[in-house]
Amino acid sequence: MTVPTEAVFGTLVVLTLAIIGGTWRLSSRLGGLEALLSGMRAESAGRDHRIATLESGRAGLTAIEAKVSAAEMKLAVIETRCASVQEAKRTMKEP
């Protein structure tokens, strides 16, 4: 029994088209996955940037807190000196 050449050729054409179609669909899906991965990477980079910005802001706040603390200490020294001067003035005015 022989198989007609047209049947073999037709089967090969159908199989080839199925393989090409499957490859195209797979390629399309891979492209979609690559786009999704790229988006996730961009989102991660944005998140990293926001975290770095927040950490930088936190460091800035810590520096400001240190300056405020130093200014409060200087103010306490000035208040103590003023109290001493006022006490000295009162002492000098008393008979």
Foldseek 3Di string as FASTA:
>chain_A
DDDDPVVVVVVVVVVVVVVVVVVVVVVVVVVVVVVVVVVVVVVVVVVVVVVVVVVVVVVVVVVVVVVVVVVVVVVVVVVVVVVVVVVVVVVVPDD
